[in-house]
Amino acid sequence: MNNSACAVETGGFIFDWFNFDLTTPQPTLDADLLRLLSFLPGLKEILMLRQVHALEHATVWVLSESKATPFSQTTANNYPVDNGLLSGLSTEKGFYLYGKVNISDLRRAVTLALRRLTNGEWHLAVHPRCGTNLSVAMLLAAGLAIGTHLVFPRGPIEQLIGLGLAATTAAELAPDIGALVQRYLTTAIPFNLEVTSIKSTQDLWGREAHFVKVRWRE
């Protein structure tokens, strides 16, 4: 078979759709998409936001599993657990980190998080406390609630049972579906990010935070 029919060429650059792999992060994928679809407004910002989002999650994981914060905890088997006192907010220019953390420790954590992500520890891009999971849970609950309303008898008891089933099912499914949405939609491995600065600041709402600023690199 001639694979040339499955490739797109633009400006001397060829994107091979035939050999495209969804399951393994491709180091050049976002840069290739940006060159191929450069005419789309806002594409670069979207691609950067997804990569920043992954770096934010990985940084929280690294800080949680280290002694970088006074609130870090470990399980009985000495496995790290999530530090619920750390949180973040991603933008296309970088991310805000909230919580008590020394800026020197944060610099080391960001550097380590970026290196671990790009070296194959892709699971660090997904975080159970991400707002994506909450959005997925709400959408699932709404959809299932509508479905049970249409399917169940119209009596008040039956409708209450249906709503309860919808809420319970959404709560059970949301973590796994949310993780998939994070992996394939709202995050991307930051192969094209370079950290330029980290400083103490305030976010748009005046909350104290550290801001990790990044820039795009090919």
Protein backbone atom coordinates (compact mmCIF):
# COMPACT_ATOMS: atom_id res chain seq x y z
CA MET A 1 0.00 0.00 0.00
CA ASN A 2 1.23 3.50 -0.78
CA ASN A 3 1.20 5.48 2.47
CA SER A 4 1.58 8.80 0.70
CA ALA A 5 -2.20 9.09 0.49
CA CYS A 6 -2.31 9.22 4.28
CA ALA A 7 0.15 12.07 4.60
CA VAL A 8 -0.31 15.83 4.34
CA GLU A 9 2.45 18.11 3.09
CA THR A 10 2.58 21.82 3.73
CA GLY A 11 5.55 24.12 3.37
CA GLY A 12 7.98 21.20 3.07
CA PHE A 13 6.58 19.59 6.25
CA ILE A 14 4.88 16.19 6.06
CA PHE A 15 2.44 14.96 8.71
CA ASP A 16 1.93 11.20 8.38
CA TRP A 17 -1.60 10.31 9.48
CA PHE A 18 -1.07 6.65 8.59
CA ASN A 19 1.55 6.16 11.33
CA PHE A 20 -0.13 8.38 13.90
CA ASP A 21 -0.31 6.76 17.36
CA LEU A 22 -2.91 7.97 19.85
CA THR A 23 -1.72 5.79 22.73
CA THR A 24 1.87 7.01 22.99
CA PRO A 25 2.69 10.73 23.39
CA GLN A 26 4.61 11.97 20.37
CA PRO A 27 7.37 14.50 21.14
CA THR A 28 6.81 16.45 17.92
CA LEU A 29 3.02 16.14 17.66
CA ASP A 30 2.02 19.58 18.97
CA ALA A 31 4.77 21.34 17.01
CA ASP A 32 3.70 19.45 13.88
CA LEU A 33 0.06 20.38 14.42
CA LEU A 34 1.00 24.02 14.91
CA ARG A 35 2.92 24.09 11.64
CA LEU A 36 0.18 22.23 9.79
CA LEU A 37 -2.73 24.28 11.19
CA SER A 38 -1.02 27.59 11.85
CA PHE A 39 -3.93 29.42 10.22
CA LEU A 40 -6.24 28.51 13.12
CA PRO A 41 -6.48 31.39 15.63
CA GLY A 42 -5.72 30.44 19.22
CA LEU A 43 -4.32 27.01 18.39
CA LYS A 44 -0.92 27.71 19.95
CA GLU A 45 -2.56 28.95 23.15
CA ILE A 46 -4.69 25.79 23.38
CA LEU A 47 -1.68 23.53 22.80
CA MET A 48 0.34 25.43 25.42
CA LEU A 49 -2.50 25.29 27.93
CA ARG A 50 -2.72 21.50 27.65
CA GLN A 51 1.02 21.14 28.20
CA VAL A 52 1.05 23.60 31.09
CA HIS A 53 -1.84 21.69 32.66
CA ALA A 54 0.21 18.48 32.63
CA LEU A 55 3.23 20.25 34.12
CA GLU A 56 1.06 21.71 36.88
CA HIS A 57 -0.23 18.26 37.82
CA ALA A 58 3.24 16.72 37.76
CA THR A 59 4.64 19.50 39.93
CA VAL A 60 1.96 18.91 42.56
CA TRP A 61 2.75 15.18 42.50
CA VAL A 62 6.49 15.79 42.89
CA LEU A 63 5.98 18.21 45.77
CA SER A 64 3.56 15.80 47.42
CA GLU A 65 5.95 12.86 47.28
CA SER A 66 8.95 14.85 48.49
CA LYS A 67 9.80 16.56 51.75
CA ALA A 68 9.39 19.90 50.02
CA THR A 69 6.31 20.87 52.01
CA PRO A 70 5.70 20.52 55.76
CA PHE A 71 2.39 18.77 55.07
CA SER A 72 3.64 15.89 52.90
CA GLN A 73 2.38 12.46 53.92
CA THR A 74 3.17 8.86 53.03
CA THR A 75 1.26 5.65 53.32
CA ALA A 76 2.25 2.75 55.53
CA ASN A 77 4.22 1.29 52.61
CA ASN A 78 6.05 4.58 52.18
CA TYR A 79 4.24 5.36 48.93
CA PRO A 80 3.56 9.07 48.43
CA VAL A 81 0.00 10.32 48.61
CA ASP A 82 -1.56 13.46 47.28
CA ASN A 83 -1.03 16.62 49.30
CA GLY A 84 -4.51 18.11 49.44
CA LEU A 85 -3.15 21.48 50.59
CA LEU A 86 -1.48 22.09 47.23
CA SER A 87 -3.46 23.16 44.18
CA GLY A 88 -2.88 24.88 40.87
CA LEU A 89 -4.44 26.90 38.08
CA SER A 90 -3.13 26.67 34.53
CA THR A 91 -3.01 29.39 31.88
CA GLU A 92 -1.44 29.46 28.45
CA LYS A 93 1.51 31.43 29.89
CA GLY A 94 2.20 29.23 32.92
CA PHE A 95 0.50 28.07 36.09
CA TYR A 96 -0.27 29.35 39.57
CA LEU A 97 0.59 27.09 42.51
CA TYR A 98 -1.26 27.58 45.79
CA GLY A 99 -0.02 26.27 49.12
CA LYS A 100 2.90 26.61 51.49
CA VAL A 101 6.03 25.76 49.57
CA ASN A 102 9.55 27.17 49.51
CA ILE A 103 10.34 28.76 46.17
CA SER A 104 13.67 26.91 45.93
CA ASP A 105 11.89 23.61 46.46
CA LEU A 106 9.34 24.64 43.86
CA ARG A 107 12.07 25.35 41.31
CA ARG A 108 13.55 21.90 41.86
CA ALA A 109 10.11 20.28 41.71
CA VAL A 110 9.18 21.96 38.42
CA THR A 111 12.49 20.96 36.84
CA LEU A 112 12.11 17.38 38.03
CA ALA A 113 8.44 17.22 36.99
CA LEU A 114 9.26 18.42 33.47
CA ARG A 115 12.10 15.92 33.14
CA ARG A 116 10.07 12.99 34.45
CA LEU A 117 7.10 13.78 32.20
CA THR A 118 9.17 14.02 29.04
CA ASN A 119 11.16 10.90 29.97
CA GLY A 120 8.12 8.65 30.04
CA GLU A 121 6.33 9.10 33.39
CA TRP A 122 3.17 10.19 31.61
CA HIS A 123 0.89 9.20 34.49
CA LEU A 124 2.08 12.32 36.33
CA ALA A 125 0.00 14.42 33.90
CA VAL A 126 -3.24 13.10 35.43
CA HIS A 127 -4.44 14.22 38.86
CA PRO A 128 -7.55 13.06 40.76
CA ARG A 129 -8.31 16.54 42.12
CA CYS A 130 -8.31 18.18 38.71
CA GLY A 131 -11.35 20.27 37.89
CA THR A 132 -11.79 18.12 34.79
CA ASN A 133 -13.04 15.31 37.02
CA LEU A 134 -15.62 17.58 38.62
CA SER A 135 -16.84 18.75 35.22
CA VAL A 136 -17.10 15.16 34.02
CA ALA A 137 -19.02 14.19 37.17
CA MET A 138 -21.48 17.04 36.68
CA LEU A 139 -22.05 16.21 33.01
CA LEU A 140 -22.50 12.52 33.79
CA ALA A 141 -24.91 13.26 36.62
CA ALA A 142 -26.96 15.61 34.44
CA GLY A 143 -27.08 13.20 31.53
CA LEU A 144 -27.98 10.20 33.68
CA ALA A 145 -30.58 12.23 35.56
CA ILE A 146 -32.28 13.15 32.30
CA GLY A 147 -32.09 9.54 31.18
CA THR A 148 -33.66 8.17 34.37
CA HIS A 149 -36.34 10.85 34.25
CA LEU A 150 -37.35 9.69 30.78
CA VAL A 151 -37.08 5.97 31.48
CA PHE A 152 -38.46 5.64 35.03
CA PRO A 153 -42.17 5.92 35.84
CA ARG A 154 -43.37 9.47 36.59
CA GLY A 155 -44.22 8.76 40.24
CA PRO A 156 -42.25 10.80 42.80
CA ILE A 157 -40.77 7.71 44.50
CA GLU A 158 -39.61 6.23 41.21
CA GLN A 159 -38.13 9.56 40.14
CA LEU A 160 -36.23 9.91 43.43
CA ILE A 161 -34.87 6.40 43.01
CA GLY A 162 -33.81 7.28 39.48
CA LEU A 163 -32.02 10.43 40.63
CA GLY A 164 -30.24 8.47 43.33
CA LEU A 165 -29.09 5.87 40.82
CA ALA A 166 -27.94 8.61 38.48
CA ALA A 167 -25.91 10.36 41.18
CA THR A 168 -24.36 7.11 42.43
CA THR A 169 -23.45 5.93 38.93
CA ALA A 170 -21.94 9.30 38.04
CA ALA A 171 -19.82 9.28 41.21
CA GLU A 172 -18.54 5.78 40.38
CA LEU A 173 -17.74 6.51 36.74
CA ALA A 174 -16.39 10.06 37.01
CA PRO A 175 -12.85 9.28 38.31
CA ASP A 176 -12.03 6.83 35.50
CA ILE A 177 -13.70 8.83 32.75
CA GLY A 178 -12.19 12.04 34.11
CA ALA A 179 -8.72 10.48 33.99
CA LEU A 180 -9.26 9.53 30.35
CA VAL A 181 -10.47 13.03 29.50
CA GLN A 182 -7.41 14.50 31.20
CA ARG A 183 -5.04 12.16 29.39
CA TYR A 184 -6.42 12.63 25.90
CA LEU A 185 -8.06 16.07 25.95
CA THR A 186 -7.12 18.53 28.70
CA THR A 187 -3.42 17.69 29.16
CA ALA A 188 -0.48 16.93 26.89
CA ILE A 189 3.11 15.97 27.70
CA PRO A 190 5.09 19.26 27.78
CA PHE A 191 7.65 18.43 25.11
CA ASN A 192 7.53 22.05 23.89
CA LEU A 193 7.66 23.94 27.19
CA GLU A 194 10.61 25.74 28.71
CA VAL A 195 10.38 27.28 32.18
CA THR A 196 11.52 30.90 32.14
CA SER A 197 10.83 32.12 35.68
CA ILE A 198 9.18 31.28 39.00
CA LYS A 199 8.11 34.03 41.37
CA SER A 200 5.80 34.83 44.25
CA THR A 201 2.76 36.75 43.07
CA GLN A 202 -1.02 37.07 43.26
CA ASP A 203 -3.54 35.57 40.89
CA LEU A 204 -6.38 37.43 39.18
CA TRP A 205 -8.45 37.25 42.38
CA GLY A 206 -5.70 38.56 44.65
CA ARG A 207 -4.81 35.20 46.20
CA GLU A 208 -1.18 34.60 47.20
CA ALA A 209 0.53 32.11 44.91
CA HIS A 210 3.67 31.24 43.01
CA PHE A 211 3.59 31.66 39.24
CA VAL A 212 5.61 29.33 37.01
CA LYS A 213 6.08 31.11 33.69
CA VAL A 214 6.83 29.11 30.54
CA ARG A 215 7.45 29.69 26.86
CA TRP A 216 7.04 27.61 23.74
CA ARG A 217 10.04 26.00 22.11
CA GLU A 218 10.20 23.80 19.04
